Amino acid sequence: VYYAARLNDQGKLTRREAAMAKLFSTEAIIDIC
């Protein structure tokens, strides 16, 4: 998530990195809960 956020601040965020950040974090944290 924060790798993608830093890429955004650098003007380098891609659709792929944003999608990977959301996909992994939401699915992983559903499992955590």
Full PDB file with SEQRES, HELIX, SHEET, SSBOND, CRYST1, ORIGX, SCALE, CONECT and MASTER records, all heavy atoms in Angstrom:
SEQRES   1 A   33  VAL TYR TYR ALA ALA ARG LEU ASN ASP GLN GLY LYS LEU          
SEQRES   2 A   33  THR ARG ARG GLU ALA ALA MET ALA LYS LEU PHE SER THR          
SEQRES   3 A   33  GLU ALA ILE ILE ASP ILE CYS                                  
HELIX    1 AA1 TYR A    2  ASP A    9  1                                   8    
HELIX    2 AA2 ARG A   15  ILE A   32  1                                  18    
CRYST1    1.000    1.000    1.000  90.00  90.00  90.00 P 1           1          
ORIGX1      1.000000  0.000000  0.000000        0.00000                         
ORIGX2      0.000000  1.000000  0.000000        0.00000                         
ORIGX3      0.000000  0.000000  1.000000        0.00000                         
SCALE1      1.000000  0.000000  0.000000        0.00000                         
SCALE2      0.000000  1.000000  0.000000        0.00000                         
SCALE3      0.000000  0.000000  1.000000        0.00000                         
ATOM      1  N   VAL A   1       0.831  -1.209   0.000  1.00  0.00           N  
ATOM      2  CA  VAL A   1       0.000   0.000   0.000  1.00  0.00           C  
ATOM      3  C   VAL A   1       0.863   1.256   0.000  1.00  0.00           C  
ATOM      4  O   VAL A   1       0.647   2.185  -0.790  1.00  0.00           O  
ATOM      5  CB  VAL A   1      -0.968  -0.008   1.202  1.00  0.00           C  
ATOM      6  CG1 VAL A   1      -1.619   1.364   1.390  1.00  0.00           C  
ATOM      7  CG2 VAL A   1      -2.032  -1.080   1.017  1.00  0.00           C  
ATOM      8  N   TYR A   2       1.875   1.296   0.870  1.00  0.00           N  
ATOM      9  CA  TYR A   2       2.674   2.523   0.960  1.00  0.00           C  
ATOM     10  C   TYR A   2       3.708   2.631  -0.155  1.00  0.00           C  
ATOM     11  O   TYR A   2       4.128   3.737  -0.504  1.00  0.00           O  
ATOM     12  CB  TYR A   2       3.279   2.653   2.359  1.00  0.00           C  
ATOM     13  CG  TYR A   2       2.202   3.082   3.331  1.00  0.00           C  
ATOM     14  CD1 TYR A   2       1.580   2.164   4.172  1.00  0.00           C  
ATOM     15  CD2 TYR A   2       1.750   4.396   3.341  1.00  0.00           C  
ATOM     16  CE1 TYR A   2       0.552   2.550   5.014  1.00  0.00           C  
ATOM     17  CE2 TYR A   2       0.728   4.794   4.178  1.00  0.00           C  
ATOM     18  CZ  TYR A   2       0.125   3.870   5.007  1.00  0.00           C  
ATOM     19  OH  TYR A   2      -0.909   4.270   5.817  1.00  0.00           O  
ATOM     20  N   TYR A   3       4.090   1.523  -0.737  1.00  0.00           N  
ATOM     21  CA  TYR A   3       4.896   1.587  -1.956  1.00  0.00           C  
ATOM     22  C   TYR A   3       4.090   2.253  -3.069  1.00  0.00           C  
ATOM     23  O   TYR A   3       4.576   3.155  -3.763  1.00  0.00           O  
ATOM     24  CB  TYR A   3       5.332   0.189  -2.381  1.00  0.00           C  
ATOM     25  CG  TYR A   3       6.038   0.134  -3.727  1.00  0.00           C  
ATOM     26  CD1 TYR A   3       7.269   0.757  -3.914  1.00  0.00           C  
ATOM     27  CD2 TYR A   3       5.460  -0.525  -4.809  1.00  0.00           C  
ATOM     28  CE1 TYR A   3       7.915   0.709  -5.154  1.00  0.00           C  
ATOM     29  CE2 TYR A   3       6.091  -0.570  -6.041  1.00  0.00           C  
ATOM     30  CZ  TYR A   3       7.323   0.041  -6.205  1.00  0.00           C  
ATOM     31  OH  TYR A   3       7.950   0.005  -7.428  1.00  0.00           O  
ATOM     32  N   ALA A   4       2.834   1.848  -3.207  1.00  0.00           N  
ATOM     33  CA  ALA A   4       1.969   2.448  -4.224  1.00  0.00           C  
ATOM     34  C   ALA A   4       1.701   3.916  -3.911  1.00  0.00           C  
ATOM     35  O   ALA A   4       1.682   4.759  -4.818  1.00  0.00           O  
ATOM     36  CB  ALA A   4       0.655   1.677  -4.304  1.00  0.00           C  
ATOM     37  N   ALA A   5       1.500   4.252  -2.631  1.00  0.00           N  
ATOM     38  CA  ALA A   5       1.250   5.643  -2.258  1.00  0.00           C  
ATOM     39  C   ALA A   5       2.452   6.525  -2.580  1.00  0.00           C  
ATOM     40  O   ALA A   5       2.314   7.656  -3.066  1.00  0.00           O  
ATOM     41  CB  ALA A   5       0.911   5.733  -0.773  1.00  0.00           C  
ATOM     42  N   ARG A   6       3.649   6.002  -2.339  1.00  0.00           N  
ATOM     43  CA  ARG A   6       4.861   6.775  -2.665  1.00  0.00           C  
ATOM     44  C   ARG A   6       5.021   6.919  -4.171  1.00  0.00           C  
ATOM     45  O   ARG A   6       5.454   7.987  -4.661  1.00  0.00           O  
ATOM     46  CB  ARG A   6       6.083   6.109  -2.040  1.00  0.00           C  
ATOM     47  CG  ARG A   6       6.136   6.229  -0.519  1.00  0.00           C  
ATOM     48  CD  ARG A   6       7.433   5.707   0.070  1.00  0.00           C  
ATOM     49  NE  ARG A   6       7.502   5.979   1.494  1.00  0.00           N  
ATOM     50  CZ  ARG A   6       7.269   5.090   2.454  1.00  0.00           C  
ATOM     51  NH1 ARG A   6       6.963   3.837   2.131  1.00  0.00           N  
ATOM     52  NH2 ARG A   6       7.350   5.433   3.732  1.00  0.00           N  
ATOM     53  N   LEU A   7       4.686   5.889  -4.923  1.00  0.00           N  
ATOM     54  CA  LEU A   7       4.724   6.007  -6.380  1.00  0.00           C  
ATOM     55  C   LEU A   7       3.774   7.100  -6.855  1.00  0.00           C  
ATOM     56  O   LEU A   7       4.099   7.859  -7.778  1.00  0.00           O  
ATOM     57  CB  LEU A   7       4.343   4.673  -7.036  1.00  0.00           C  
ATOM     58  CG  LEU A   7       5.368   3.549  -6.989  1.00  0.00           C  
ATOM     59  CD1 LEU A   7       4.795   2.288  -7.651  1.00  0.00           C  
ATOM     60  CD2 LEU A   7       6.674   3.952  -7.688  1.00  0.00           C  
ATOM     61  N   ASN A   8       2.618   7.200  -6.219  1.00  0.00           N  
ATOM     62  CA  ASN A   8       1.670   8.245  -6.596  1.00  0.00           C  
ATOM     63  C   ASN A   8       2.268   9.632  -6.361  1.00  0.00           C  
ATOM     64  O   ASN A   8       2.130  10.532  -7.192  1.00  0.00           O  
ATOM     65  CB  ASN A   8       0.377   8.094  -5.795  1.00  0.00           C  
ATOM     66  CG  ASN A   8      -0.671   9.103  -6.206  1.00  0.00           C  
ATOM     67  OD1 ASN A   8      -1.357   8.944  -7.211  1.00  0.00           O  
ATOM     68  ND2 ASN A   8      -0.808  10.168  -5.435  1.00  0.00           N  
ATOM     69  N   ASP A   9       2.937   9.804  -5.221  1.00  0.00           N  
ATOM     70  CA  ASP A   9       3.546  11.102  -4.917  1.00  0.00           C  
ATOM     71  C   ASP A   9       4.667  11.447  -5.890  1.00  0.00           C  
ATOM     72  O   ASP A   9       4.975  12.624  -6.101  1.00  0.00           O  
ATOM     73  CB  ASP A   9       4.077  11.102  -3.483  1.00  0.00           C  
ATOM     74  CG  ASP A   9       2.962  11.196  -2.459  1.00  0.00           C  
ATOM     75  OD1 ASP A   9       1.899  11.762  -2.789  1.00  0.00           O  
ATOM     76  OD2 ASP A   9       3.137  10.696  -1.333  1.00  0.00           O  
ATOM     77  N   GLN A  10       5.268  10.434  -6.490  1.00  0.00           N  
ATOM     78  CA  GLN A  10       6.341  10.638  -7.472  1.00  0.00           C  
ATOM     79  C   GLN A  10       5.811  10.736  -8.895  1.00  0.00           C  
ATOM     80  O   GLN A  10       6.588  10.897  -9.839  1.00  0.00           O  
ATOM     81  CB  GLN A  10       7.342   9.482  -7.387  1.00  0.00           C  
ATOM     82  CG  GLN A  10       8.058   9.371  -6.046  1.00  0.00           C  
ATOM     83  CD  GLN A  10       8.757   8.032  -5.863  1.00  0.00           C  
ATOM     84  OE1 GLN A  10       8.861   7.231  -6.798  1.00  0.00           O  
ATOM     85  NE2 GLN A  10       9.224   7.765  -4.658  1.00  0.00           N  
ATOM     86  N   GLY A  11       4.491  10.633  -9.052  1.00  0.00           N  
ATOM     87  CA  GLY A  11       3.897  10.659 -10.377  1.00  0.00           C  
ATOM     88  C   GLY A  11       4.154   9.398 -11.177  1.00  0.00           C  
ATOM     89  O   GLY A  11       4.089   9.409 -12.408  1.00  0.00           O  
ATOM     90  N   LYS A  12       4.412   8.278 -10.481  1.00  0.00           N  
ATOM     91  CA  LYS A  12       4.776   7.032 -11.158  1.00  0.00           C  
ATOM     92  C   LYS A  12       3.801   5.881 -10.891  1.00  0.00           C  
ATOM     93  O   LYS A  12       4.055   4.752 -11.292  1.00  0.00           O  
ATOM     94  CB  LYS A  12       6.178   6.595 -10.707  1.00  0.00           C  
ATOM     95  CG  LYS A  12       7.284   7.582 -11.048  1.00  0.00           C  
ATOM     96  CD  LYS A  12       8.618   7.089 -10.501  1.00  0.00           C  
ATOM     97  CE  LYS A  12       9.740   8.063 -10.809  1.00  0.00           C  
ATOM     98  NZ  LYS A  12      11.047   7.602 -10.244  1.00  0.00           N  
ATOM     99  N   LEU A  13       2.689   6.156 -10.230  1.00  0.00           N  
ATOM    100  CA  LEU A  13       1.763   5.082  -9.891  1.00  0.00           C  
ATOM    101  C   LEU A  13       1.100   4.530 -11.150  1.00  0.00           C  
ATOM    102  O   LEU A  13       0.569   5.287 -11.962  1.00  0.00           O  
ATOM    103  CB  LEU A  13       0.690   5.582  -8.927  1.00  0.00           C  
ATOM    104  CG  LEU A  13      -0.351   4.554  -8.479  1.00  0.00           C  
ATOM    105  CD1 LEU A  13       0.306   3.397  -7.734  1.00  0.00           C  
ATOM    106  CD2 LEU A  13      -1.415   5.217  -7.601  1.00  0.00           C  
ATOM    107  N   THR A  14       1.141   3.212 -11.303  1.00  0.00           N  
ATOM    108  CA  THR A  14       0.513   2.552 -12.437  1.00  0.00           C  
ATOM    109  C   THR A  14      -0.754   1.832 -11.986  1.00  0.00           C  
ATOM    110  O   THR A  14      -0.944   1.571 -10.794  1.00  0.00           O  
ATOM    111  CB  THR A  14       1.465   1.529 -13.086  1.00  0.00           C  
ATOM    112  OG1 THR A  14       1.705   0.456 -12.145  1.00  0.00           O  
ATOM    113  CG2 THR A  14       2.788   2.176 -13.477  1.00  0.00           C  
ATOM    114  N   ARG A  15      -1.606   1.502 -12.947  1.00  0.00           N  
ATOM    115  CA  ARG A  15      -2.818   0.747 -12.631  1.00  0.00           C  
ATOM    116  C   ARG A  15      -2.467  -0.597 -11.996  1.00  0.00           C  
ATOM    117  O   ARG A  15      -3.147  -1.065 -11.092  1.00  0.00           O  
ATOM    118  CB  ARG A  15      -3.641   0.512 -13.899  1.00  0.00           C  
ATOM    119  CG  ARG A  15      -4.227   1.767 -14.512  1.00  0.00           C  
ATOM    120  CD  ARG A  15      -5.294   1.415 -15.527  1.00  0.00           C  
ATOM    121  NE  ARG A  15      -4.816   0.454 -16.514  1.00  0.00           N  
ATOM    122  CZ  ARG A  15      -5.622  -0.301 -17.258  1.00  0.00           C  
ATOM    123  NH1 ARG A  15      -6.934  -0.222 -17.113  1.00  0.00           N  
ATOM    124  NH2 ARG A  15      -5.122  -1.140 -18.153  1.00  0.00           N  
ATOM    125  N   ARG A  16      -1.382  -1.192 -12.450  1.00  0.00           N  
ATOM    126  CA  ARG A  16      -0.984  -2.492 -11.937  1.00  0.00           C  
ATOM    127  C   ARG A  16      -0.615  -2.417 -10.464  1.00  0.00           C  
ATOM    128  O   ARG A  16      -1.071  -3.238  -9.658  1.00  0.00           O  
ATOM    129  CB  ARG A  16       0.197  -3.037 -12.740  1.00  0.00           C  
ATOM    130  CG  ARG A  16       0.689  -4.411 -12.281  1.00  0.00           C  
ATOM    131  CD  ARG A  16       1.987  -4.781 -12.957  1.00  0.00           C  
ATOM    132  NE  ARG A  16       3.063  -3.875 -12.539  1.00  0.00           N  
ATOM    133  CZ  ARG A  16       4.274  -3.828 -13.110  1.00  0.00           C  
ATOM    134  NH1 ARG A  16       4.545  -4.615 -14.122  1.00  0.00           N  
ATOM    135  NH2 ARG A  16       5.194  -2.989 -12.669  1.00  0.00           N  
ATOM    136  N   GLU A  17       0.215  -1.461 -10.098  1.00  0.00           N  
ATOM    137  CA  GLU A  17       0.662  -1.363  -8.706  1.00  0.00           C  
ATOM    138  C   GLU A  17      -0.499  -1.049  -7.779  1.00  0.00           C  
ATOM    139  O   GLU A  17      -0.586  -1.578  -6.666  1.00  0.00           O  
ATOM    140  CB  GLU A  17       1.754  -0.295  -8.576  1.00  0.00           C  
ATOM    141  CG  GLU A  17       3.012  -0.565  -9.380  1.00  0.00           C  
ATOM    142  CD  GLU A  17       3.729  -1.842  -8.964  1.00  0.00           C  
ATOM    143  OE1 GLU A  17       3.483  -2.334  -7.836  1.00  0.00           O  
ATOM    144  OE2 GLU A  17       4.528  -2.353  -9.772  1.00  0.00           O  
ATOM    145  N   ALA A  18      -1.406  -0.180  -8.225  1.00  0.00           N  
ATOM    146  CA  ALA A  18      -2.562   0.153  -7.404  1.00  0.00           C  
ATOM    147  C   ALA A  18      -3.472  -1.063  -7.235  1.00  0.00           C  
ATOM    148  O   ALA A  18      -3.973  -1.336  -6.143  1.00  0.00           O  
ATOM    149  CB  ALA A  18      -3.336   1.308  -8.033  1.00  0.00           C  
ATOM    150  N   ALA A  19      -3.685  -1.801  -8.331  1.00  0.00           N  
ATOM    151  CA  ALA A  19      -4.534  -2.992  -8.269  1.00  0.00           C  
ATOM    152  C   ALA A  19      -3.927  -4.049  -7.355  1.00  0.00           C  
ATOM    153  O   ALA A  19      -4.632  -4.693  -6.568  1.00  0.00           O  
ATOM    154  CB  ALA A  19      -4.743  -3.553  -9.672  1.00  0.00           C  
ATOM    155  N   MET A  20      -2.611  -4.251  -7.450  1.00  0.00           N  
ATOM    156  CA  MET A  20      -1.946  -5.228  -6.590  1.00  0.00           C  
ATOM    157  C   MET A  20      -2.065  -4.843  -5.119  1.00  0.00           C  
ATOM    158  O   MET A  20      -2.308  -5.699  -4.249  1.00  0.00           O  
ATOM    159  CB  MET A  20      -0.471  -5.344  -6.976  1.00  0.00           C  
ATOM    160  CG  MET A  20      -0.207  -6.084  -8.270  1.00  0.00           C  
ATOM    161  SD  MET A  20       1.567  -6.122  -8.651  1.00  0.00           S  
ATOM    162  CE  MET A  20       1.591  -7.261 -10.048  1.00  0.00           C  
ATOM    163  N   ALA A  21      -1.911  -3.561  -4.825  1.00  0.00           N  
ATOM    164  CA  ALA A  21      -1.992  -3.100  -3.437  1.00  0.00           C  
ATOM    165  C   ALA A  21      -3.380  -3.353  -2.866  1.00  0.00           C  
ATOM    166  O   ALA A  21      -3.519  -3.855  -1.744  1.00  0.00           O  
ATOM    167  CB  ALA A  21      -1.648  -1.615  -3.354  1.00  0.00           C  
ATOM    168  N   LYS A  22      -4.414  -3.012  -3.621  1.00  0.00           N  
ATOM    169  CA  LYS A  22      -5.780  -3.227  -3.119  1.00  0.00           C  
ATOM    170  C   LYS A  22      -6.112  -4.710  -3.047  1.00  0.00           C  
ATOM    171  O   LYS A  22      -6.675  -5.180  -2.047  1.00  0.00           O  
ATOM    172  CB  LYS A  22      -6.809  -2.522  -3.998  1.00  0.00           C  
ATOM    173  CG  LYS A  22      -8.233  -2.743  -3.487  1.00  0.00           C  
ATOM    174  CD  LYS A  22      -9.286  -2.190  -4.403  1.00  0.00           C  
ATOM    175  CE  LYS A  22     -10.676  -2.341  -3.772  1.00  0.00           C  
ATOM    176  NZ  LYS A  22     -11.144  -3.710  -3.657  1.00  0.00           N  
ATOM    177  N   LEU A  23      -5.793  -5.444  -4.083  1.00  0.00           N  
ATOM    178  CA  LEU A  23      -6.111  -6.870  -4.117  1.00  0.00           C  
ATOM    179  C   LEU A  23      -5.497  -7.600  -2.931  1.00  0.00           C  
ATOM    180  O   LEU A  23      -6.191  -8.301  -2.185  1.00  0.00           O  
ATOM    181  CB  LEU A  23      -5.610  -7.487  -5.425  1.00  0.00           C  
ATOM    182  CG  LEU A  23      -5.683  -9.016  -5.522  1.00  0.00           C  
ATOM    183  CD1 LEU A  23      -7.125  -9.487  -5.503  1.00  0.00           C  
ATOM    184  CD2 LEU A  23      -4.956  -9.501  -6.784  1.00  0.00           C  
ATOM    185  N   PHE A  24      -4.195  -7.443  -2.742  1.00  0.00           N  
ATOM    186  CA  PHE A  24      -3.517  -8.206  -1.696  1.00  0.00           C  
ATOM    187  C   PHE A  24      -3.962  -7.762  -0.310  1.00  0.00           C  
ATOM    188  O   PHE A  24      -4.273  -8.589   0.555  1.00  0.00           O  
ATOM    189  CB  PHE A  24      -2.004  -8.060  -1.826  1.00  0.00           C  
ATOM    190  CG  PHE A  24      -1.250  -8.943  -0.873  1.00  0.00           C  
ATOM    191  CD1 PHE A  24      -0.917 -10.245  -1.219  1.00  0.00           C  
ATOM    192  CD2 PHE A  24      -0.897  -8.493   0.390  1.00  0.00           C  
ATOM    193  CE1 PHE A  24      -0.246 -11.075  -0.335  1.00  0.00           C  
ATOM    194  CE2 PHE A  24      -0.231  -9.303   1.291  1.00  0.00           C  
ATOM    195  CZ  PHE A  24       0.105 -10.611   0.923  1.00  0.00           C  
ATOM    196  N   SER A  25      -4.008  -6.443  -0.086  1.00  0.00           N  
ATOM    197  CA  SER A  25      -4.293  -5.961   1.266  1.00  0.00           C  
ATOM    198  C   SER A  25      -5.711  -6.298   1.702  1.00  0.00           C  
ATOM    199  O   SER A  25      -5.923  -6.738   2.844  1.00  0.00           O  
ATOM    200  CB  SER A  25      -4.058  -4.446   1.349  1.00  0.00           C  
ATOM    201  OG  SER A  25      -4.901  -3.741   0.454  1.00  0.00           O  
ATOM    202  N   THR A  26      -6.690  -6.121   0.839  1.00  0.00           N  
ATOM    203  CA  THR A  26      -8.064  -6.407   1.260  1.00  0.00           C  
ATOM    204  C   THR A  26      -8.279  -7.899   1.498  1.00  0.00           C  
ATOM    205  O   THR A  26      -8.889  -8.286   2.502  1.00  0.00           O  
ATOM    206  CB  THR A  26      -9.077  -5.878   0.232  1.00  0.00           C  
ATOM    207  OG1 THR A  26      -8.770  -6.393  -1.069  1.00  0.00           O  
ATOM    208  CG2 THR A  26      -9.038  -4.356   0.174  1.00  0.00           C  
ATOM    209  N   GLU A  27      -7.767  -8.729   0.594  1.00  0.00           N  
ATOM    210  CA  GLU A  27      -7.942 -10.169   0.776  1.00  0.00           C  
ATOM    211  C   GLU A  27      -7.167 -10.668   2.002  1.00  0.00           C  
ATOM    212  O   GLU A  27      -7.661 -11.498   2.775  1.00  0.00           O  
ATOM    213  CB  GLU A  27      -7.483 -10.924  -0.477  1.00  0.00           C  
ATOM    214  CG  GLU A  27      -8.361 -10.700  -1.703  1.00  0.00           C  
ATOM    215  CD  GLU A  27      -9.697 -11.421  -1.625  1.00  0.00           C  
ATOM    216  OE1 GLU A  27      -9.948 -12.122  -0.626  1.00  0.00           O  
ATOM    217  OE2 GLU A  27     -10.499 -11.281  -2.562  1.00  0.00           O  
ATOM    218  N   ALA A  28      -5.947 -10.161   2.196  1.00  0.00           N  
ATOM    219  CA  ALA A  28      -5.137 -10.596   3.336  1.00  0.00           C  
ATOM    220  C   ALA A  28      -5.779 -10.185   4.653  1.00  0.00           C  
ATOM    221  O   ALA A  28      -5.776 -10.954   5.631  1.00  0.00           O  
ATOM    222  CB  ALA A  28      -3.727 -10.014   3.224  1.00  0.00           C  
ATOM    223  N   ILE A  29      -6.347  -8.997   4.699  1.00  0.00           N  
ATOM    224  CA  ILE A  29      -6.877  -8.513   5.971  1.00  0.00           C  
ATOM    225  C   ILE A  29      -8.257  -9.104   6.261  1.00  0.00           C  
ATOM    226  O   ILE A  29      -8.647  -9.242   7.430  1.00  0.00           O  
ATOM    227  CB  ILE A  29      -6.817  -6.981   6.018  1.00  0.00           C  
ATOM    228  CG1 ILE A  29      -5.322  -6.589   6.089  1.00  0.00           C  
ATOM    229  CG2 ILE A  29      -7.573  -6.410   7.210  1.00  0.00           C  
ATOM    230  CD1 ILE A  29      -5.007  -5.160   5.904  1.00  0.00           C  
ATOM    231  N   ILE A  30      -8.974  -9.496   5.235  1.00  0.00           N  
ATOM    232  CA  ILE A  30     -10.176 -10.304   5.483  1.00  0.00           C  
ATOM    233  C   ILE A  30      -9.776 -11.599   6.190  1.00  0.00           C  
ATOM    234  O   ILE A  30     -10.427 -12.045   7.142  1.00  0.00           O  
ATOM    235  CB  ILE A  30     -10.905 -10.592   4.154  1.00  0.00           C  
ATOM    236  CG1 ILE A  30     -11.735  -9.377   3.763  1.00  0.00           C  
ATOM    237  CG2 ILE A  30     -11.805 -11.832   4.262  1.00  0.00           C  
ATOM    238  CD1 ILE A  30     -12.412  -9.476   2.439  1.00  0.00           C  
ATOM    239  N   ASP A  31      -8.683 -12.200   5.756  1.00  0.00           N  
ATOM    240  CA  ASP A  31      -8.198 -13.418   6.399  1.00  0.00           C  
ATOM    241  C   ASP A  31      -7.715 -13.135   7.823  1.00  0.00           C  
ATOM    242  O   ASP A  31      -7.926 -13.941   8.733  1.00  0.00           O  
ATOM    243  CB  ASP A  31      -7.066 -14.028   5.566  1.00  0.00           C  
ATOM    244  CG  ASP A  31      -6.672 -15.418   6.041  1.00  0.00           C  
ATOM    245  OD1 ASP A  31      -7.559 -16.277   6.171  1.00  0.00           O  
ATOM    246  OD2 ASP A  31      -5.474 -15.641   6.288  1.00  0.00           O  
ATOM    247  N   ILE A  32      -7.076 -11.988   8.038  1.00  0.00           N  
ATOM    248  CA  ILE A  32      -6.635 -11.601   9.380  1.00  0.00           C  
ATOM    249  C   ILE A  32      -7.834 -11.501  10.315  1.00  0.00           C  
ATOM    250  O   ILE A  32      -7.805 -12.001  11.453  1.00  0.00           O  
ATOM    251  CB  ILE A  32      -5.874 -10.257   9.327  1.00  0.00           C  
ATOM    252  CG1 ILE A  32      -4.474 -10.462   8.740  1.00  0.00           C  
ATOM    253  CG2 ILE A  32      -5.784  -9.623  10.723  1.00  0.00           C  
ATOM    254  CD1 ILE A  32      -3.724  -9.170   8.481  1.00  0.00           C  
ATOM    255  N   CYS A  33      -8.896 -10.861   9.851  1.00  0.00           N  
ATOM    256  CA  CYS A  33     -10.079 -10.689  10.696  1.00  0.00           C  
ATOM    257  C   CYS A  33     -10.770 -12.024  10.969  1.00  0.00           C  
ATOM    258  O   CYS A  33     -11.308 -12.240  12.063  1.00  0.00           O  
ATOM    259  CB  CYS A  33     -11.053  -9.708  10.044  1.00  0.00           C  
ATOM    260  SG  CYS A  33     -10.420  -8.013   9.980  1.00  0.00           S  
TER     261      CYS A  33                                                      
MASTER        0    0    0    2    0    0    0    6  260    1    0    3          
END                                                                             
